[in-house]
Amino acid sequence: MKKTISPVVSKATELREKISPLADKIKAFVDALEISETEQGADKEEQIANAMLSYRHIEDAKTRLDKVIQATVGKSVYDK
């Protein structure tokens, strides 16, 4: 008997897969900011802090989608 996947799990998984590359791009942007020359008049620390915060928010969104899956299937989706 073929096991069916919940539509909720399918959608949460799809969304998580779509935002994962964005997290990678934002992290690369943060890394680039850290080594780049500061533009005149720019607050480099503020730039890095806000870029890093956006990365953390994306990572949090991925975790929350994992929690949706966990709440649907009743077990942890995290590696042990």
Protein backbone atom coordinates (compact mmCIF):
# COMPACT_ATOMS: atom_id res chain seq x y z
CA MET A 1 0.00 0.00 0.00
CA LYS A 2 1.39 3.36 -1.04
CA LYS A 3 1.67 5.93 1.73
CA THR A 4 0.13 9.29 0.82
CA ILE A 5 1.80 12.52 1.81
CA SER A 6 -0.31 15.13 3.56
CA PRO A 7 -0.98 18.27 1.49
CA VAL A 8 0.23 20.30 4.47
CA VAL A 9 3.53 18.39 4.58
CA SER A 10 3.91 18.73 0.81
CA LYS A 11 3.36 22.50 0.87
CA ALA A 12 5.60 23.08 3.91
CA THR A 13 8.35 21.01 2.29
CA GLU A 14 7.96 22.88 -1.00
CA LEU A 15 8.19 26.26 0.72
CA ARG A 16 11.20 25.19 2.77
CA GLU A 17 12.99 24.04 -0.38
CA LYS A 18 12.23 27.37 -2.08
CA ILE A 19 13.59 29.52 0.74
CA SER A 20 16.72 27.46 1.42
CA PRO A 21 18.62 28.88 -1.59
CA LEU A 22 17.64 32.39 -0.46
CA ALA A 23 19.27 31.76 2.92
CA ASP A 24 22.46 30.69 1.14
CA LYS A 25 22.45 33.86 -0.99
CA ILE A 26 21.86 36.12 2.01
CA LYS A 27 24.67 34.42 3.95
CA ALA A 28 27.02 34.95 1.00
CA PHE A 29 25.93 38.60 0.94
CA VAL A 30 26.74 38.94 4.66
CA ASP A 31 30.16 37.39 4.06
CA ALA A 32 30.78 39.80 1.17
CA LEU A 33 29.78 42.79 3.27
CA GLU A 34 32.23 41.78 5.98
CA ILE A 35 35.21 41.87 3.62
CA SER A 36 34.12 44.70 1.33
CA GLU A 37 35.24 48.30 1.42
CA THR A 38 32.82 50.58 3.22
CA GLU A 39 31.03 53.03 0.95
CA GLN A 40 31.49 56.64 1.94
CA GLY A 41 28.86 57.64 4.47
CA ALA A 42 27.73 54.07 5.03
CA ASP A 43 27.48 52.43 8.46
CA LYS A 44 29.15 49.10 7.75
CA GLU A 45 28.30 47.60 11.14
CA GLU A 46 24.63 48.45 10.63
CA GLN A 47 24.68 46.96 7.13
CA ILE A 48 26.17 43.70 8.38
CA ALA A 49 23.87 43.53 11.41
CA ASN A 50 20.73 43.95 9.33
CA ALA A 51 21.86 41.56 6.61
CA MET A 52 22.66 38.96 9.28
CA LEU A 53 19.28 39.54 10.90
CA SER A 54 17.56 38.87 7.58
CA TYR A 55 19.55 35.61 7.31
CA ARG A 56 18.46 34.59 10.81
CA HIS A 57 14.83 35.31 9.96
CA ILE A 58 15.03 33.05 6.90
CA GLU A 59 16.63 30.31 9.02
CA ASP A 60 13.83 30.76 11.56
CA ALA A 61 11.23 30.44 8.80
CA LYS A 62 12.81 27.14 7.73
CA THR A 63 12.67 25.92 11.33
CA ARG A 64 9.02 26.95 11.65
CA LEU A 65 8.13 25.07 8.47
CA ASP A 66 9.88 22.02 9.94
CA LYS A 67 7.69 22.43 13.01
CA VAL A 68 4.58 22.47 10.77
CA ILE A 69 5.70 19.15 9.32
CA GLN A 70 6.47 17.79 12.78
CA ALA A 71 3.03 18.81 14.06
CA THR A 72 1.42 17.10 11.08
CA VAL A 73 3.29 13.78 11.09
CA GLY A 74 3.85 13.62 14.84
CA LYS A 75 7.61 13.10 14.84
CA SER A 76 10.72 15.20 14.65
CA VAL A 77 12.01 16.09 11.21
CA TYR A 78 15.43 16.91 12.60
CA ASP A 79 18.42 14.62 12.21
CA LYS A 80 19.53 12.90 15.36
